[in-house]
C-alpha atoms as a PDB file:
ATOM      1  CA  MET A   1       0.000   0.000   0.000  1.00  0.00           C
ATOM      2  CA  SER A   2       1.149   3.533  -0.762  1.00  0.00           C
ATOM      3  CA  TYR A   3       1.556   6.528   1.512  1.00  0.00           C
ATOM      4  CA  VAL A   4      -0.048   9.930   0.812  1.00  0.00           C
ATOM      5  CA  ASP A   5       0.621  13.461   1.993  1.00  0.00           C
ATOM      6  CA  GLY A   6      -2.548  15.557   1.791  1.00  0.00           C
ATOM      7  CA  PHE A   7      -2.905  19.343   1.812  1.00  0.00           C
ATOM      8  CA  LEU A   8      -5.858  21.723   2.054  1.00  0.00           C
ATOM      9  CA  LEU A   9      -5.491  25.484   1.696  1.00  0.00           C
ATOM     10  CA  ALA A  10      -7.168  28.704   0.607  1.00  0.00           C
ATOM     11  CA  VAL A  11      -5.732  30.655  -2.323  1.00  0.00           C
ATOM     12  CA  PRO A  12      -6.864  34.163  -3.302  1.00  0.00           C
ATOM     13  CA  ARG A  13      -8.453  34.020  -6.761  1.00  0.00           C
ATOM     14  CA  ASP A  14      -6.158  36.763  -8.036  1.00  0.00           C
ATOM     15  CA  LYS A  15      -3.101  34.737  -6.948  1.00  0.00           C
ATOM     16  CA  LEU A  16      -4.168  31.410  -8.448  1.00  0.00           C
ATOM     17  CA  SER A  17      -1.776  31.768 -11.407  1.00  0.00           C
ATOM     18  CA  ALA A  18       1.132  32.478  -9.057  1.00  0.00           C
ATOM     19  CA  TYR A  19       0.091  29.495  -6.934  1.00  0.00           C
ATOM     20  CA  ARG A  20      -0.054  27.258 -10.021  1.00  0.00           C
ATOM     21  CA  ALA A  21       3.492  28.329 -10.983  1.00  0.00           C
ATOM     22  CA  LEU A  22       4.752  27.598  -7.462  1.00  0.00           C
ATOM     23  CA  ALA A  23       2.934  24.245  -7.417  1.00  0.00           C
ATOM     24  CA  ARG A  24       4.405  23.260 -10.778  1.00  0.00           C
ATOM     25  CA  LYS A  25       7.917  24.066  -9.523  1.00  0.00           C
ATOM     26  CA  ALA A  26       7.309  22.151  -6.288  1.00  0.00           C
ATOM     27  CA  GLY A  27       5.829  19.216  -8.173  1.00  0.00           C
ATOM     28  CA  GLU A  28       8.887  18.966 -10.395  1.00  0.00           C
ATOM     29  CA  VAL A  29      11.120  18.829  -7.320  1.00  0.00           C
ATOM     30  CA  TRP A  30       8.984  16.199  -5.546  1.00  0.00           C
ATOM     31  CA  MET A  31       8.821  14.035  -8.662  1.00  0.00           C
ATOM     32  CA  GLU A  32      12.563  14.380  -9.256  1.00  0.00           C
ATOM     33  CA  TYR A  33      13.235  12.994  -5.761  1.00  0.00           C
ATOM     34  CA  GLY A  34      10.899  10.027  -6.156  1.00  0.00           C
ATOM     35  CA  ALA A  35       7.263  10.931  -5.494  1.00  0.00           C
ATOM     36  CA  LEU A  36       4.985   8.678  -7.550  1.00  0.00           C
ATOM     37  CA  GLN A  37       2.322  11.310  -8.159  1.00  0.00           C
ATOM     38  CA  TYR A  38       1.866  15.020  -7.416  1.00  0.00           C
ATOM     39  CA  VAL A  39      -1.621  16.512  -7.832  1.00  0.00           C
ATOM     40  CA  GLU A  40      -3.017  20.016  -7.230  1.00  0.00           C
ATOM     41  CA  CYS A  41      -6.801  20.533  -7.493  1.00  0.00           C
ATOM     42  CA  VAL A  42      -8.909  23.690  -7.269  1.00  0.00           C
ATOM     43  CA  ALA A  43     -12.427  23.419  -5.827  1.00  0.00           C
ATOM     44  CA  ASP A  44     -15.177  23.115  -8.411  1.00  0.00           C
ATOM     45  CA  ASP A  45     -18.109  21.728  -6.414  1.00  0.00           C
ATOM     46  CA  VAL A  46     -17.405  22.467  -2.741  1.00  0.00           C
ATOM     47  CA  GLN A  47     -20.224  23.786  -0.588  1.00  0.00           C
ATOM     48  CA  PRO A  48     -20.043  25.288   2.908  1.00  0.00           C
ATOM     49  CA  GLY A  49     -21.395  22.896   5.483  1.00  0.00           C
ATOM     50  CA  LYS A  50     -23.492  23.370   8.595  1.00  0.00           C
ATOM     51  CA  VAL A  51     -20.938  21.705  10.875  1.00  0.00           C
ATOM     52  CA  THR A  52     -17.785  21.100   8.799  1.00  0.00           C
ATOM     53  CA  SER A  53     -16.643  21.561   5.208  1.00  0.00           C
ATOM     54  CA  PHE A  54     -13.586  22.302   3.122  1.00  0.00           C
ATOM     55  CA  PRO A  55     -14.369  26.062   3.087  1.00  0.00           C
ATOM     56  CA  GLN A  56     -14.825  26.107   6.852  1.00  0.00           C
ATOM     57  CA  ALA A  57     -11.653  24.103   7.455  1.00  0.00           C
ATOM     58  CA  VAL A  58      -9.486  26.762   5.760  1.00  0.00           C
ATOM     59  CA  LYS A  59     -11.589  29.740   6.913  1.00  0.00           C
ATOM     60  CA  LEU A  60     -12.298  30.563   3.275  1.00  0.00           C
ATOM     61  CA  LYS A  61     -12.796  34.239   2.459  1.00  0.00           C
ATOM     62  CA  PRO A  62     -15.139  35.421  -0.360  1.00  0.00           C
ATOM     63  CA  ASP A  63     -12.234  36.201  -2.710  1.00  0.00           C
ATOM     64  CA  GLU A  64     -10.534  32.800  -2.250  1.00  0.00           C
ATOM     65  CA  VAL A  65     -10.793  29.268  -3.612  1.00  0.00           C
ATOM     66  CA  VAL A  66     -10.096  25.972  -1.871  1.00  0.00           C
ATOM     67  CA  VAL A  67      -7.123  23.979  -3.141  1.00  0.00           C
ATOM     68  CA  PHE A  68      -6.750  20.287  -2.328  1.00  0.00           C
ATOM     69  CA  SER A  69      -3.412  18.639  -3.090  1.00  0.00           C
ATOM     70  CA  TYR A  70      -1.805  15.280  -2.573  1.00  0.00           C
ATOM     71  CA  ILE A  71       1.508  13.547  -3.150  1.00  0.00           C
ATOM     72  CA  VAL A  72       1.752   9.759  -3.439  1.00  0.00           C
ATOM     73  CA  TYR A  73       4.764   7.716  -2.318  1.00  0.00           C
ATOM     74  CA  LYS A  74       5.655   4.012  -2.207  1.00  0.00           C
ATOM     75  CA  SER A  75       5.803   4.015   1.611  1.00  0.00           C
ATOM     76  CA  ARG A  76       6.170   6.198   4.689  1.00  0.00           C
ATOM     77  CA  ALA A  77       9.915   5.524   4.696  1.00  0.00           C
ATOM     78  CA  GLN A  78      10.209   6.625   1.077  1.00  0.00           C
ATOM     79  CA  ARG A  79       8.111   9.723   1.816  1.00  0.00           C
ATOM     80  CA  ASP A  80      10.418  10.657   4.689  1.00  0.00           C
ATOM     81  CA  ARG A  81      13.500  10.276   2.435  1.00  0.00           C
ATOM     82  CA  VAL A  82      11.909  12.288  -0.386  1.00  0.00           C
ATOM     83  CA  ASN A  83      10.716  15.075   1.912  1.00  0.00           C
ATOM     84  CA  LYS A  84      14.146  15.402   3.530  1.00  0.00           C
ATOM     85  CA  LYS A  85      15.674  15.987   0.084  1.00  0.00           C
ATOM     86  CA  VAL A  86      12.860  18.323  -0.999  1.00  0.00           C
ATOM     87  CA  MET A  87      13.167  20.495   2.104  1.00  0.00           C
ATOM     88  CA  ALA A  88      16.917  20.876   1.504  1.00  0.00           C
ATOM     89  CA  ASP A  89      16.560  21.621  -2.212  1.00  0.00           C
ATOM     90  CA  PRO A  90      17.685  25.199  -2.955  1.00  0.00           C
ATOM     91  CA  ARG A  91      14.901  25.672  -5.529  1.00  0.00           C
ATOM     92  CA  LEU A  92      12.311  25.534  -2.734  1.00  0.00           C
ATOM     93  CA  ALA A  93      14.401  26.509   0.307  1.00  0.00           C
ATOM     94  CA  ALA A  94      14.995  29.926  -1.267  1.00  0.00           C
ATOM     95  CA  ILE A  95      11.271  30.756  -1.384  1.00  0.00           C
ATOM     96  CA  ASP A  96      10.404  33.455   1.130  1.00  0.00           C
ATOM     97  CA  PRO A  97       7.404  32.265   3.207  1.00  0.00           C
ATOM     98  CA  LYS A  98       6.146  35.865   3.257  1.00  0.00           C
ATOM     99  CA  ALA A  99       5.985  35.837  -0.557  1.00  0.00           C
ATOM    100  CA  MET A 100       3.719  32.771  -0.736  1.00  0.00           C
ATOM    101  CA  PRO A 101       0.573  33.295  -2.861  1.00  0.00           C
ATOM    102  CA  PHE A 102      -1.561  31.979   0.037  1.00  0.00           C
ATOM    103  CA  ASP A 103      -1.695  32.165   3.840  1.00  0.00           C
ATOM    104  CA  PRO A 104       0.384  29.201   5.088  1.00  0.00           C
ATOM    105  CA  LYS A 105      -1.108  29.590   8.585  1.00  0.00           C
ATOM    106  CA  ARG A 106      -4.435  28.313   7.231  1.00  0.00           C
ATOM    107  CA  MET A 107      -2.954  25.340   5.384  1.00  0.00           C
ATOM    108  CA  ILE A 108      -3.832  21.886   6.703  1.00  0.00           C
ATOM    109  CA  TRP A 109      -1.583  18.920   5.943  1.00  0.00           C
ATOM    110  CA  GLY A 110      -0.769  15.439   7.084  1.00  0.00           C
ATOM    111  CA  GLY A 111       0.483  12.004   6.102  1.00  0.00           C
ATOM    112  CA  PHE A 112      -1.880   9.102   5.504  1.00  0.00           C
ATOM    113  CA  LYS A 113      -1.500   5.324   5.219  1.00  0.00           C
ATOM    114  CA  SER A 114      -3.560   3.806   2.445  1.00  0.00           C
ATOM    115  CA  ILE A 115      -6.168   1.292   3.597  1.00  0.00           C
ATOM    116  CA  VAL A 116      -7.941   0.685   0.265  1.00  0.00           C
ATOM    117  CA  GLU A 117      -6.422   1.004  -3.216  1.00  0.00           C
ATOM    118  CA  MET A 118      -8.273   0.042  -6.387  1.00  0.00           C
END
C-alpha cells in the first residue's frame, strides 16, 4: 500500500496563477526525488457545510478558492527520504514564506497510510 501526503489550503483568486506556478515548480522537485504522483486541485463543487466543510476548514474568504493537493509515495519511509531531500533543495528553500501566494497559517496537511487502493 502507498503513503499519501494531503494538503488543504485557501488561495486568493487573483493569486491562483502564481500558486499554479509555485505548485508546478514544487511538483517537479517532488517528482525528481521520487514521489509517484503530485496533484493540485482547485475546488469546483465544494459547498459550505453546517458543521464542517472544506471552506470552513481553511476559513475561506469570499475572494478565495479551496485547493486540495496530494503527493503519493511508495511508503512512509520513502516519503520521509523524499521530503528530507525536498526540504533541503535550494529551488524551494529559497522561497520566502512571506511571498507565498496563500496564507500558510491556514494550510492543513498530514500524512496518511492507504487502507484501500483500487
